[in-house]
Amino acid sequence: MSRLVAPDRAFFEQDPVQLAPLLLGAVLGYDAPDGLVAIRLSEVEAYRGVGEDPGSHAFRGRTARNAVMFGEPGHLYAYFSYGMHVCLNIVARPAGLSSAVLMRGATVVGGIDLARRRRPGVNDRDLARGPGRLSRALGVPLGAGGSDLLESPFDLRVPESPLHSASGPRTGVSGDGGGNAYPWRFWLPGDEGVSPYRRHKLAAE
């Protein structure tokens, strides 16, 4: 296992397709009012920006919802999915280029008792296995969107050297962005925190 180090701002200025696999094995902690939980990232998805990526929230331009994607790298882009799940992303590339990496799956490595209380009746493997589950286990609310992940109450450490990873089409993305032309989902093979792959019924071939 590679040693974990604190990243600087420049680390996040990379293209999200290059940044995403470098985040696998990273540990993110969040110190919420009711306590601290930490997760180890097992699965991520890269999303590019305006006009580049039909699967991206920023594909058609800037809106109130996606404005954080256009901001400083290393910040948190949070959004509601299906009106019920908070999904957490790390902004990539220099400000203005509207890219991000979705934290899709993880394993709880700190504060597991608190994570269990937040997700009662769920086995440990599933506590953060999926983007909505991940945010609930961490206790990160939608209102934390725009926060700097390099500052408290967050604590982020990334592997000093990249871990072995696999890649393939993104989960649940319709149209061209969910097809084989965009193999921008990255995961740690065999890791328990990887969520099941579900191809969108309208994804391109």
N, C-alpha and C. Protein backbone atom coordinates (compact mmCIF):
# COMPACT_ATOMS: atom_id res chain seq x y z
N MET A 1 0.84 -1.20 0.00
CA MET A 1 0.00 0.00 0.00
C MET A 1 0.88 1.25 0.00
N SER A 2 0.57 2.19 -0.88
CA SER A 2 1.35 3.42 -0.98
C SER A 2 1.12 4.31 0.24
N ARG A 3 2.16 5.00 0.66
CA ARG A 3 2.04 5.95 1.77
C ARG A 3 1.09 7.08 1.39
N LEU A 4 0.33 7.59 2.37
CA LEU A 4 -0.60 8.68 2.13
C LEU A 4 0.04 10.01 2.46
N VAL A 5 -0.21 11.01 1.61
CA VAL A 5 0.37 12.33 1.80
C VAL A 5 -0.71 13.38 1.61
N ALA A 6 -0.49 14.57 2.17
CA ALA A 6 -1.42 15.69 2.00
C ALA A 6 -1.16 16.35 0.65
N PRO A 7 -2.15 16.42 -0.24
CA PRO A 7 -1.94 17.05 -1.55
C PRO A 7 -1.92 18.57 -1.44
N ASP A 8 -1.28 19.20 -2.43
CA ASP A 8 -1.37 20.66 -2.52
C ASP A 8 -2.39 21.01 -3.60
N ARG A 9 -2.66 22.29 -3.77
CA ARG A 9 -3.68 22.74 -4.72
C ARG A 9 -3.35 22.30 -6.15
N ALA A 10 -2.07 22.32 -6.49
CA ALA A 10 -1.67 21.98 -7.85
C ALA A 10 -2.02 20.54 -8.23
N PHE A 11 -2.09 19.67 -7.24
CA PHE A 11 -2.44 18.26 -7.49
C PHE A 11 -3.78 18.15 -8.20
N PHE A 12 -4.72 19.03 -7.87
CA PHE A 12 -6.07 18.95 -8.41
C PHE A 12 -6.23 19.69 -9.74
N GLU A 13 -5.19 20.36 -10.21
CA GLU A 13 -5.28 21.12 -11.45
C GLU A 13 -5.16 20.24 -12.69
N GLN A 14 -5.07 18.94 -12.52
CA GLN A 14 -4.94 18.02 -13.63
C GLN A 14 -6.29 17.78 -14.32
N ASP A 15 -6.21 17.29 -15.56
CA ASP A 15 -7.40 16.80 -16.24
C ASP A 15 -8.05 15.73 -15.35
N PRO A 16 -9.38 15.76 -15.20
CA PRO A 16 -10.01 14.80 -14.29
C PRO A 16 -9.78 13.34 -14.66
N VAL A 17 -9.57 13.07 -15.94
CA VAL A 17 -9.32 11.69 -16.37
C VAL A 17 -7.97 11.21 -15.85
N GLN A 18 -7.01 12.12 -15.72
CA GLN A 18 -5.73 11.76 -15.12
C GLN A 18 -5.79 11.79 -13.59
N LEU A 19 -6.57 12.72 -13.06
CA LEU A 19 -6.66 12.86 -11.61
C LEU A 19 -7.42 11.71 -10.96
N ALA A 20 -8.49 11.26 -11.60
CA ALA A 20 -9.39 10.28 -10.97
C ALA A 20 -8.67 9.04 -10.45
N PRO A 21 -7.87 8.33 -11.26
CA PRO A 21 -7.22 7.13 -10.72
C PRO A 21 -6.21 7.42 -9.62
N LEU A 22 -5.67 8.64 -9.58
CA LEU A 22 -4.74 9.01 -8.53
C LEU A 22 -5.43 9.18 -7.18
N LEU A 23 -6.75 9.32 -7.20
CA LEU A 23 -7.52 9.48 -5.97
C LEU A 23 -7.92 8.13 -5.35
N LEU A 24 -7.78 7.06 -6.09
CA LEU A 24 -8.11 5.75 -5.56
C LEU A 24 -7.16 5.39 -4.42
N GLY A 25 -7.73 4.97 -3.31
CA GLY A 25 -6.93 4.70 -2.12
C GLY A 25 -6.77 5.91 -1.22
N ALA A 26 -7.25 7.08 -1.67
CA ALA A 26 -7.19 8.28 -0.83
C ALA A 26 -8.13 8.13 0.37
N VAL A 27 -7.77 8.75 1.48
CA VAL A 27 -8.60 8.74 2.67
C VAL A 27 -9.13 10.15 2.91
N LEU A 28 -10.46 10.26 3.00
CA LEU A 28 -11.12 11.54 3.26
C LEU A 28 -11.86 11.45 4.59
N GLY A 29 -11.55 12.36 5.47
CA GLY A 29 -12.25 12.47 6.74
C GLY A 29 -13.09 13.72 6.78
N TYR A 30 -14.23 13.64 7.48
CA TYR A 30 -15.10 14.79 7.66
C TYR A 30 -15.54 14.84 9.12
N ASP A 31 -15.24 15.95 9.78
CA ASP A 31 -15.55 16.11 11.19
C ASP A 31 -16.87 16.87 11.32
N ALA A 32 -17.96 16.13 11.36
CA ALA A 32 -19.30 16.71 11.48
C ALA A 32 -19.60 17.04 12.93
N PRO A 33 -20.68 17.79 13.19
CA PRO A 33 -21.02 18.11 14.59
C PRO A 33 -21.19 16.88 15.48
N ASP A 34 -21.62 15.76 14.91
CA ASP A 34 -21.82 14.57 15.73
C ASP A 34 -20.62 13.62 15.73
N GLY A 35 -19.53 14.01 15.05
CA GLY A 35 -18.33 13.20 15.11
C GLY A 35 -17.65 13.03 13.76
N LEU A 36 -16.51 12.36 13.79
CA LEU A 36 -15.64 12.20 12.62
C LEU A 36 -15.80 10.81 12.01
N VAL A 37 -15.94 10.77 10.68
CA VAL A 37 -15.90 9.53 9.92
C VAL A 37 -14.88 9.72 8.80
N ALA A 38 -14.14 8.66 8.49
CA ALA A 38 -13.18 8.69 7.40
C ALA A 38 -13.45 7.52 6.46
N ILE A 39 -13.29 7.77 5.16
CA ILE A 39 -13.49 6.74 4.15
C ILE A 39 -12.24 6.60 3.29
N ARG A 40 -12.08 5.42 2.71
CA ARG A 40 -11.01 5.16 1.75
C ARG A 40 -11.65 4.94 0.39
N LEU A 41 -11.28 5.77 -0.60
CA LEU A 41 -11.93 5.73 -1.90
C LEU A 41 -11.55 4.47 -2.68
N SER A 42 -12.60 3.80 -3.19
CA SER A 42 -12.44 2.57 -3.96
C SER A 42 -12.83 2.75 -5.42
N GLU A 43 -13.65 3.77 -5.70
CA GLU A 43 -14.24 3.94 -7.02
C GLU A 43 -14.55 5.42 -7.25
N VAL A 44 -14.20 5.91 -8.45
CA VAL A 44 -14.43 7.31 -8.80
C VAL A 44 -14.81 7.40 -10.28
N GLU A 45 -15.39 8.54 -10.67
CA GLU A 45 -15.70 8.80 -12.08
C GLU A 45 -15.25 10.21 -12.45
N ALA A 46 -14.64 10.34 -13.62
CA ALA A 46 -14.16 11.62 -14.10
C ALA A 46 -15.20 12.27 -15.02
N TYR A 47 -15.34 13.59 -14.89
CA TYR A 47 -16.25 14.37 -15.73
C TYR A 47 -15.54 15.64 -16.20
N ARG A 48 -15.45 15.80 -17.52
CA ARG A 48 -14.87 17.02 -18.09
C ARG A 48 -15.94 18.10 -18.22
N GLY A 49 -15.58 19.21 -18.90
CA GLY A 49 -16.41 20.39 -18.84
C GLY A 49 -17.22 20.76 -20.06
N VAL A 50 -17.42 22.05 -20.25
CA VAL A 50 -18.32 22.60 -21.27
C VAL A 50 -17.93 22.10 -22.66
N GLY A 51 -18.89 21.49 -23.34
CA GLY A 51 -18.69 21.04 -24.71
C GLY A 51 -17.80 19.84 -24.88
N GLU A 52 -17.23 19.32 -23.80
CA GLU A 52 -16.28 18.20 -23.91
C GLU A 52 -16.87 16.86 -23.54
N ASP A 53 -17.84 16.86 -22.64
CA ASP A 53 -18.28 15.62 -22.02
C ASP A 53 -19.80 15.62 -21.88
N PRO A 54 -20.50 14.87 -22.74
CA PRO A 54 -21.98 14.89 -22.68
C PRO A 54 -22.55 14.29 -21.40
N GLY A 55 -21.73 13.64 -20.59
CA GLY A 55 -22.20 13.11 -19.32
C GLY A 55 -22.04 14.08 -18.17
N SER A 56 -21.41 15.21 -18.42
CA SER A 56 -21.09 16.17 -17.37
C SER A 56 -22.21 17.17 -17.12
N HIS A 57 -22.39 17.57 -15.87
CA HIS A 57 -23.35 18.62 -15.54
C HIS A 57 -23.00 19.95 -16.21
N ALA A 58 -21.72 20.11 -16.56
CA ALA A 58 -21.27 21.38 -17.12
C ALA A 58 -21.27 21.38 -18.65
N PHE A 59 -21.72 20.32 -19.28
CA PHE A 59 -21.60 20.19 -20.73
C PHE A 59 -22.22 21.36 -21.48
N ARG A 60 -23.37 21.84 -21.01
CA ARG A 60 -24.07 22.92 -21.72
C ARG A 60 -23.79 24.30 -21.15
N GLY A 61 -22.87 24.40 -20.21
CA GLY A 61 -22.51 25.70 -19.68
C GLY A 61 -22.78 25.85 -18.20
N ARG A 62 -22.49 27.02 -17.72
CA ARG A 62 -22.58 27.31 -16.30
C ARG A 62 -24.02 27.57 -15.86
N THR A 63 -24.40 27.00 -14.71
CA THR A 63 -25.70 27.24 -14.10
C THR A 63 -25.49 27.47 -12.61
N ALA A 64 -26.56 27.83 -11.92
CA ALA A 64 -26.45 27.98 -10.47
C ALA A 64 -26.07 26.66 -9.82
N ARG A 65 -26.57 25.55 -10.36
CA ARG A 65 -26.30 24.24 -9.77
C ARG A 65 -24.84 23.84 -9.90
N ASN A 66 -24.24 24.07 -11.09
CA ASN A 66 -22.89 23.54 -11.33
C ASN A 66 -21.79 24.58 -11.16
N ALA A 67 -22.09 25.75 -10.63
CA ALA A 67 -21.13 26.85 -10.57
C ALA A 67 -19.83 26.46 -9.88
N VAL A 68 -19.90 25.60 -8.87
CA VAL A 68 -18.68 25.21 -8.15
C VAL A 68 -17.70 24.50 -9.07
N MET A 69 -18.21 23.80 -10.08
CA MET A 69 -17.32 23.10 -11.02
C MET A 69 -16.41 24.07 -11.77
N PHE A 70 -16.81 25.32 -11.87
CA PHE A 70 -16.04 26.33 -12.58
C PHE A 70 -15.04 27.04 -11.67
N GLY A 71 -15.04 26.69 -10.41
CA GLY A 71 -14.22 27.39 -9.44
C GLY A 71 -12.86 26.76 -9.21
N GLU A 72 -12.30 27.06 -8.05
CA GLU A 72 -10.93 26.63 -7.72
C GLU A 72 -10.88 25.12 -7.51
N PRO A 73 -9.85 24.45 -8.04
CA PRO A 73 -9.73 23.01 -7.86
C PRO A 73 -9.51 22.65 -6.39
N GLY A 74 -9.88 21.39 -6.07
CA GLY A 74 -9.74 20.94 -4.69
C GLY A 74 -10.91 21.31 -3.81
N HIS A 75 -11.97 21.88 -4.40
CA HIS A 75 -13.18 22.20 -3.65
C HIS A 75 -14.24 21.12 -3.88
N LEU A 76 -15.26 21.15 -3.06
CA LEU A 76 -16.31 20.14 -3.09
C LEU A 76 -17.49 20.61 -3.94
N TYR A 77 -17.83 19.82 -4.95
CA TYR A 77 -19.05 20.04 -5.72
C TYR A 77 -20.07 19.01 -5.25
N ALA A 78 -21.13 19.46 -4.60
CA ALA A 78 -22.17 18.58 -4.07
C ALA A 78 -23.48 18.86 -4.80
N TYR A 79 -24.22 17.80 -5.11
CA TYR A 79 -25.52 17.98 -5.76
C TYR A 79 -26.47 16.88 -5.31
N PHE A 80 -27.77 17.17 -5.48
CA PHE A 80 -28.82 16.20 -5.18
C PHE A 80 -29.05 15.32 -6.40
N SER A 81 -29.15 14.02 -6.19
CA SER A 81 -29.47 13.09 -7.26
C SER A 81 -30.81 12.45 -6.96
N TYR A 82 -31.72 12.47 -7.95
CA TYR A 82 -33.07 11.91 -7.80
C TYR A 82 -33.81 12.51 -6.61
N GLY A 83 -33.45 13.73 -6.23
CA GLY A 83 -34.14 14.42 -5.17
C GLY A 83 -33.97 13.83 -3.79
N MET A 84 -32.99 12.92 -3.63
CA MET A 84 -32.86 12.25 -2.33
C MET A 84 -31.43 11.96 -1.90
N HIS A 85 -30.50 11.83 -2.84
CA HIS A 85 -29.14 11.46 -2.50
C HIS A 85 -28.18 12.63 -2.75
N VAL A 86 -27.31 12.91 -1.80
CA VAL A 86 -26.25 13.89 -2.01
C VAL A 86 -25.04 13.19 -2.61
N CYS A 87 -24.55 13.70 -3.71
CA CYS A 87 -23.36 13.14 -4.37
C CYS A 87 -22.22 14.14 -4.23
N LEU A 88 -21.03 13.63 -3.95
CA LEU A 88 -19.87 14.46 -3.64
C LEU A 88 -18.80 14.32 -4.73
N ASN A 89 -18.29 15.47 -5.19
CA ASN A 89 -17.30 15.52 -6.25
C ASN A 89 -16.14 16.42 -5.85
N ILE A 90 -14.98 16.15 -6.42
CA ILE A 90 -13.80 16.98 -6.21
C ILE A 90 -13.53 17.77 -7.48
N VAL A 91 -13.52 19.09 -7.40
CA VAL A 91 -13.30 19.93 -8.57
C VAL A 91 -11.85 19.77 -9.06
N ALA A 92 -11.72 19.64 -10.38
CA ALA A 92 -10.41 19.43 -11.02
C ALA A 92 -10.12 20.55 -12.02
N ARG A 93 -8.90 20.57 -12.48
CA ARG A 93 -8.37 21.53 -13.48
C ARG A 93 -8.45 22.97 -12.96
N PRO A 94 -7.71 23.87 -13.59
CA PRO A 94 -7.72 25.27 -13.14
C PRO A 94 -9.11 25.88 -13.21
N ALA A 95 -9.34 26.90 -12.41
CA ALA A 95 -10.64 27.56 -12.35
C ALA A 95 -11.09 27.98 -13.75
N GLY A 96 -12.37 27.78 -14.03
CA GLY A 96 -12.96 28.14 -15.31
C GLY A 96 -13.16 26.99 -16.26
N LEU A 97 -12.55 25.82 -15.95
CA LEU A 97 -12.59 24.70 -16.89
C LEU A 97 -13.62 23.63 -16.53
N SER A 98 -14.34 23.80 -15.47
CA SER A 98 -15.56 23.05 -15.14
C SER A 98 -15.42 21.53 -15.20
N SER A 99 -14.51 20.98 -14.44
CA SER A 99 -14.32 19.54 -14.38
C SER A 99 -14.40 19.06 -12.94
N ALA A 100 -14.71 17.77 -12.76
CA ALA A 100 -14.81 17.22 -11.41
C ALA A 100 -14.66 15.72 -11.44
N VAL A 101 -14.39 15.16 -10.26
CA VAL A 101 -14.30 13.71 -10.08
C VAL A 101 -15.32 13.30 -9.02
N LEU A 102 -16.26 12.43 -9.41
CA LEU A 102 -17.28 11.93 -8.48
C LEU A 102 -16.68 10.86 -7.59
N MET A 103 -16.92 10.96 -6.28
CA MET A 103 -16.54 9.92 -5.34
C MET A 103 -17.69 8.92 -5.29
N ARG A 104 -17.52 7.80 -5.97
CA ARG A 104 -18.63 6.86 -6.17
C ARG A 104 -18.70 5.76 -5.13
N GLY A 105 -17.57 5.25 -4.66
CA GLY A 105 -17.60 4.14 -3.72
C GLY A 105 -16.41 4.17 -2.80
N ALA A 106 -16.61 3.69 -1.55
CA ALA A 106 -15.54 3.75 -0.55
C ALA A 106 -15.79 2.74 0.56
N THR A 107 -14.78 2.58 1.39
CA THR A 107 -14.86 1.77 2.59
C THR A 107 -14.65 2.68 3.79
N VAL A 108 -15.44 2.51 4.84
CA VAL A 108 -15.27 3.30 6.06
C VAL A 108 -14.05 2.77 6.81
N VAL A 109 -13.10 3.67 7.10
CA VAL A 109 -11.87 3.28 7.79
C VAL A 109 -11.69 4.00 9.12
N GLY A 110 -12.61 4.88 9.47
CA GLY A 110 -12.57 5.58 10.74
C GLY A 110 -13.96 6.02 11.15
N GLY A 111 -14.28 5.91 12.44
CA GLY A 111 -15.59 6.30 12.92
C GLY A 111 -16.69 5.37 12.48
N ILE A 112 -16.38 4.08 12.40
CA ILE A 112 -17.36 3.14 11.84
C ILE A 112 -18.63 3.04 12.68
N ASP A 113 -18.52 3.19 14.00
CA ASP A 113 -19.72 3.12 14.84
C ASP A 113 -20.68 4.26 14.51
N LEU A 114 -20.14 5.44 14.25
CA LEU A 114 -20.98 6.57 13.87
C LEU A 114 -21.59 6.35 12.49
N ALA A 115 -20.79 5.83 11.55
CA ALA A 115 -21.31 5.53 10.22
C ALA A 115 -22.44 4.51 10.30
N ARG A 116 -22.31 3.54 11.18
CA ARG A 116 -23.38 2.55 11.36
C ARG A 116 -24.66 3.19 11.89
N ARG A 117 -24.51 4.14 12.79
CA ARG A 117 -25.69 4.82 13.33
C ARG A 117 -26.37 5.67 12.25
N ARG A 118 -25.58 6.23 11.36
CA ARG A 118 -26.14 7.03 10.28
C ARG A 118 -26.85 6.17 9.24
N ARG A 119 -26.42 4.91 9.14
CA ARG A 119 -27.02 4.00 8.16
C ARG A 119 -27.41 2.70 8.85
N PRO A 120 -28.41 2.75 9.75
CA PRO A 120 -28.79 1.58 10.55
C PRO A 120 -29.27 0.42 9.69
N GLY A 121 -28.90 -0.78 10.12
CA GLY A 121 -29.35 -1.98 9.43
C GLY A 121 -28.57 -2.33 8.19
N VAL A 122 -27.53 -1.57 7.88
CA VAL A 122 -26.72 -1.80 6.68
C VAL A 122 -25.44 -2.52 7.07
N ASN A 123 -25.03 -3.53 6.29
CA ASN A 123 -23.78 -4.20 6.62
C ASN A 123 -22.60 -3.28 6.33
N ASP A 124 -21.48 -3.56 6.97
CA ASP A 124 -20.32 -2.67 6.89
C ASP A 124 -19.84 -2.46 5.46
N ARG A 125 -19.91 -3.47 4.64
CA ARG A 125 -19.44 -3.34 3.26
C ARG A 125 -20.23 -2.26 2.50
N ASP A 126 -21.52 -2.13 2.82
CA ASP A 126 -22.39 -1.22 2.07
C ASP A 126 -22.50 0.17 2.68
N LEU A 127 -21.78 0.45 3.74
CA LEU A 127 -21.91 1.75 4.41
C LEU A 127 -21.62 2.92 3.47
N ALA A 128 -20.61 2.77 2.61
CA ALA A 128 -20.23 3.87 1.70
C ALA A 128 -20.05 3.37 0.27
N ARG A 129 -20.73 2.30 -0.07
CA ARG A 129 -20.58 1.64 -1.38
C ARG A 129 -21.64 2.17 -2.34
N GLY A 130 -21.35 3.32 -2.93
CA GLY A 130 -22.29 4.05 -3.78
C GLY A 130 -22.26 5.52 -3.37
N PRO A 131 -22.47 6.44 -4.31
CA PRO A 131 -22.27 7.87 -4.00
C PRO A 131 -23.21 8.43 -2.94
N GLY A 132 -24.49 8.02 -2.95
CA GLY A 132 -25.41 8.49 -1.92
C GLY A 132 -25.08 7.92 -0.56
N ARG A 133 -24.71 6.65 -0.52
CA ARG A 133 -24.32 6.00 0.72
C ARG A 133 -23.06 6.65 1.29
N LEU A 134 -22.13 6.98 0.40
CA LEU A 134 -20.86 7.58 0.80
C LEU A 134 -21.09 8.90 1.54
N SER A 135 -21.93 9.75 0.99
CA SER A 135 -22.17 11.05 1.62
C SER A 135 -22.88 10.89 2.96
N ARG A 136 -23.80 9.93 3.05
CA ARG A 136 -24.51 9.71 4.31
C ARG A 136 -23.57 9.17 5.38
N ALA A 137 -22.73 8.23 5.01
CA ALA A 137 -21.79 7.67 5.98
C ALA A 137 -20.85 8.75 6.51
N LEU A 138 -20.38 9.62 5.61
CA LEU A 138 -19.49 10.71 6.02
C LEU A 138 -20.21 11.78 6.82
N GLY A 139 -21.52 11.95 6.56
CA GLY A 139 -22.27 13.01 7.22
C GLY A 139 -22.12 14.35 6.55
N VAL A 140 -21.74 14.36 5.27
CA VAL A 140 -21.55 15.62 4.54
C VAL A 140 -22.89 16.06 3.94
N PRO A 141 -23.40 17.23 4.30
CA PRO A 141 -24.68 17.70 3.77
C PRO A 141 -24.51 18.42 2.44
N LEU A 142 -25.63 18.61 1.75
CA LEU A 142 -25.61 19.35 0.48
C LEU A 142 -25.04 20.74 0.68
N GLY A 143 -25.31 21.35 1.82
CA GLY A 143 -24.85 22.71 2.09
C GLY A 143 -23.35 22.85 2.21
N ALA A 144 -22.62 21.72 2.28
CA ALA A 144 -21.16 21.78 2.33
C ALA A 144 -20.56 22.01 0.95
N GLY A 145 -21.38 22.01 -0.09
CA GLY A 145 -20.88 22.27 -1.43
C GLY A 145 -20.13 23.59 -1.50
N GLY A 146 -19.01 23.58 -2.19
CA GLY A 146 -18.15 24.76 -2.28
C GLY A 146 -17.04 24.77 -1.24
N SER A 147 -17.08 23.86 -0.27
CA SER A 147 -16.05 23.82 0.77
C SER A 147 -14.69 23.45 0.19
N ASP A 148 -13.65 23.93 0.83
CA ASP A 148 -12.29 23.60 0.45
C ASP A 148 -11.90 22.28 1.11
N LEU A 149 -11.60 21.27 0.32
CA LEU A 149 -11.26 19.95 0.87
C LEU A 149 -9.88 19.92 1.51
N LEU A 150 -9.13 21.00 1.37
CA LEU A 150 -7.81 21.08 1.98
C LEU A 150 -7.86 21.76 3.35
N GLU A 151 -9.06 22.07 3.81
CA GLU A 151 -9.22 22.75 5.09
C GLU A 151 -10.23 22.02 5.97
N SER A 152 -10.12 22.24 7.28
CA SER A 152 -11.08 21.70 8.24
C SER A 152 -12.50 22.20 7.90
N PRO A 153 -13.52 21.37 8.05
CA PRO A 153 -13.57 20.08 8.75
C PRO A 153 -13.21 18.87 7.91
N PHE A 154 -12.64 19.09 6.72
CA PHE A 154 -12.20 17.98 5.88
C PHE A 154 -10.72 17.69 6.13
N ASP A 155 -10.36 16.44 5.90
CA ASP A 155 -8.95 16.04 5.95
C ASP A 155 -8.75 15.01 4.85
N LEU A 156 -7.98 15.36 3.84
CA LEU A 156 -7.78 14.51 2.68
C LEU A 156 -6.31 14.12 2.55
N ARG A 157 -6.08 12.83 2.37
CA ARG A 157 -4.74 12.29 2.13
C ARG A 157 -4.80 11.39 0.91
N VAL A 158 -3.83 11.51 0.00
CA VAL A 158 -3.83 10.74 -1.24
C VAL A 158 -2.59 9.84 -1.30
N PRO A 159 -2.65 8.74 -2.05
CA PRO A 159 -1.49 7.86 -2.15
C PRO A 159 -0.30 8.58 -2.79
N GLU A 160 0.86 8.34 -2.24
CA GLU A 160 2.07 8.94 -2.80
C GLU A 160 2.36 8.39 -4.19
N SER A 161 2.00 7.12 -4.43
CA SER A 161 2.16 6.48 -5.74
C SER A 161 0.82 5.90 -6.16
N PRO A 162 0.49 5.93 -7.45
CA PRO A 162 -0.81 5.42 -7.91
C PRO A 162 -0.97 3.93 -7.59
N LEU A 163 -2.18 3.53 -7.27
CA LEU A 163 -2.50 2.13 -7.05
C LEU A 163 -2.97 1.50 -8.36
N HIS A 164 -2.87 0.18 -8.46
CA HIS A 164 -3.36 -0.53 -9.64
C HIS A 164 -4.87 -0.37 -9.74
N SER A 165 -5.36 0.03 -10.90
CA SER A 165 -6.79 0.28 -11.06
C SER A 165 -7.29 -0.27 -12.39
N ALA A 166 -8.62 -0.37 -12.49
CA ALA A 166 -9.28 -0.75 -13.73
C ALA A 166 -10.17 0.41 -14.15
N SER A 167 -10.62 0.39 -15.42
CA SER A 167 -11.49 1.46 -15.91
C SER A 167 -12.55 0.89 -16.84
N GLY A 168 -13.64 1.64 -16.97
CA GLY A 168 -14.72 1.24 -17.86
C GLY A 168 -15.76 2.34 -17.95
N PRO A 169 -16.89 2.10 -18.63
CA PRO A 169 -17.93 3.12 -18.77
C PRO A 169 -18.50 3.53 -17.42
N ARG A 170 -19.01 4.75 -17.36
CA ARG A 170 -19.58 5.28 -16.13
C ARG A 170 -20.95 4.66 -15.83
N THR A 171 -21.28 4.63 -14.57
CA THR A 171 -22.51 4.00 -14.10
C THR A 171 -23.71 4.95 -14.22
N GLY A 172 -24.80 4.44 -14.78
CA GLY A 172 -26.07 5.17 -14.75
C GLY A 172 -26.12 6.45 -15.55
N VAL A 173 -25.20 6.63 -16.51
CA VAL A 173 -25.17 7.85 -17.33
C VAL A 173 -25.82 7.54 -18.67
N SER A 174 -26.79 8.34 -19.09
CA SER A 174 -27.49 8.10 -20.34
C SER A 174 -26.74 8.69 -21.52
N GLY A 175 -27.15 8.31 -22.71
CA GLY A 175 -26.60 8.88 -23.93
C GLY A 175 -25.14 8.55 -24.15
N ASP A 176 -24.49 9.40 -24.97
CA ASP A 176 -23.09 9.14 -25.31
C ASP A 176 -22.19 9.09 -24.09
N GLY A 177 -22.49 9.94 -23.08
CA GLY A 177 -21.62 10.01 -21.91
C GLY A 177 -21.55 8.74 -21.10
N GLY A 178 -22.53 7.85 -21.28
CA GLY A 178 -22.53 6.58 -20.57
C GLY A 178 -22.02 5.42 -21.39
N GLY A 179 -21.56 5.71 -22.60
CA GLY A 179 -21.11 4.65 -23.50
C GLY A 179 -19.64 4.32 -23.39
N ASN A 180 -19.22 3.40 -24.23
CA ASN A 180 -17.84 2.92 -24.18
C ASN A 180 -16.81 3.95 -24.61
N ALA A 181 -17.25 5.02 -25.26
CA ALA A 181 -16.32 6.08 -25.67
C ALA A 181 -15.83 6.91 -24.49
N TYR A 182 -16.47 6.74 -23.33
CA TYR A 182 -16.10 7.48 -22.13
C TYR A 182 -15.84 6.50 -20.98
N PRO A 183 -14.72 5.77 -21.04
CA PRO A 183 -14.40 4.78 -20.00
C PRO A 183 -13.75 5.46 -18.79
N TRP A 184 -14.49 6.39 -18.19
CA TRP A 184 -13.91 7.27 -17.17
C TRP A 184 -14.36 6.93 -15.76
N ARG A 185 -14.80 5.70 -15.57
CA ARG A 185 -15.01 5.16 -14.23
C ARG A 185 -13.77 4.34 -13.87
N PHE A 186 -13.23 4.61 -12.71
CA PHE A 186 -12.00 3.94 -12.28
C PHE A 186 -12.24 3.29 -10.92
N TRP A 187 -11.70 2.10 -10.71
CA TRP A 187 -11.92 1.41 -9.45
C TRP A 187 -10.74 0.51 -9.10
N LEU A 188 -10.69 0.13 -7.84
CA LEU A 188 -9.68 -0.79 -7.34
C LEU A 188 -10.23 -2.21 -7.47
N PRO A 189 -9.70 -3.03 -8.37
CA PRO A 189 -10.24 -4.37 -8.57
C PRO A 189 -10.26 -5.18 -7.28
N GLY A 190 -11.39 -5.80 -7.00
CA GLY A 190 -11.52 -6.65 -5.84
C GLY A 190 -11.79 -5.93 -4.54
N ASP A 191 -11.83 -4.60 -4.55
CA ASP A 191 -12.05 -3.84 -3.32
C ASP A 191 -13.52 -3.89 -2.93
N GLU A 192 -13.79 -4.07 -1.65
CA GLU A 192 -15.17 -4.21 -1.18
C GLU A 192 -15.99 -2.93 -1.33
N GLY A 193 -15.33 -1.78 -1.44
CA GLY A 193 -16.06 -0.53 -1.54
C GLY A 193 -16.55 -0.18 -2.93
N VAL A 194 -16.24 -1.02 -3.93
CA VAL A 194 -16.66 -0.75 -5.30
C VAL A 194 -18.14 -1.09 -5.46
N SER A 195 -18.92 -0.16 -6.02
CA SER A 195 -20.36 -0.37 -6.18
C SER A 195 -20.64 -1.21 -7.42
N PRO A 196 -21.82 -1.84 -7.49
CA PRO A 196 -22.17 -2.62 -8.69
C PRO A 196 -22.29 -1.70 -9.91
N TYR A 197 -21.80 -2.17 -11.04
CA TYR A 197 -21.94 -1.40 -12.28
C TYR A 197 -23.35 -1.57 -12.83
N ARG A 198 -24.00 -0.44 -13.10
CA ARG A 198 -25.33 -0.47 -13.69
C ARG A 198 -25.35 0.45 -14.91
N ARG A 199 -25.46 -0.15 -16.07
CA ARG A 199 -25.49 0.62 -17.31
C ARG A 199 -26.88 1.24 -17.48
N HIS A 200 -26.92 2.52 -17.83
CA HIS A 200 -28.20 3.19 -18.08
C HIS A 200 -28.84 2.59 -19.34
N LYS A 201 -30.17 2.41 -19.29
CA LYS A 201 -30.84 1.78 -20.42
C LYS A 201 -30.76 2.63 -21.70
N LEU A 202 -30.47 3.93 -21.54
CA LEU A 202 -30.33 4.82 -22.70
C LEU A 202 -28.89 5.19 -22.99
N ALA A 203 -27.95 4.46 -22.40
CA ALA A 203 -26.53 4.73 -22.68
C ALA A 203 -26.19 4.31 -24.11
N ALA A 204 -25.27 5.05 -24.70
CA ALA A 204 -24.83 4.71 -26.07
C ALA A 204 -24.09 3.38 -26.08
N GLU A 205 -24.10 2.74 -27.22
CA GLU A 205 -23.36 1.49 -27.36
C GLU A 205 -21.86 1.78 -27.38
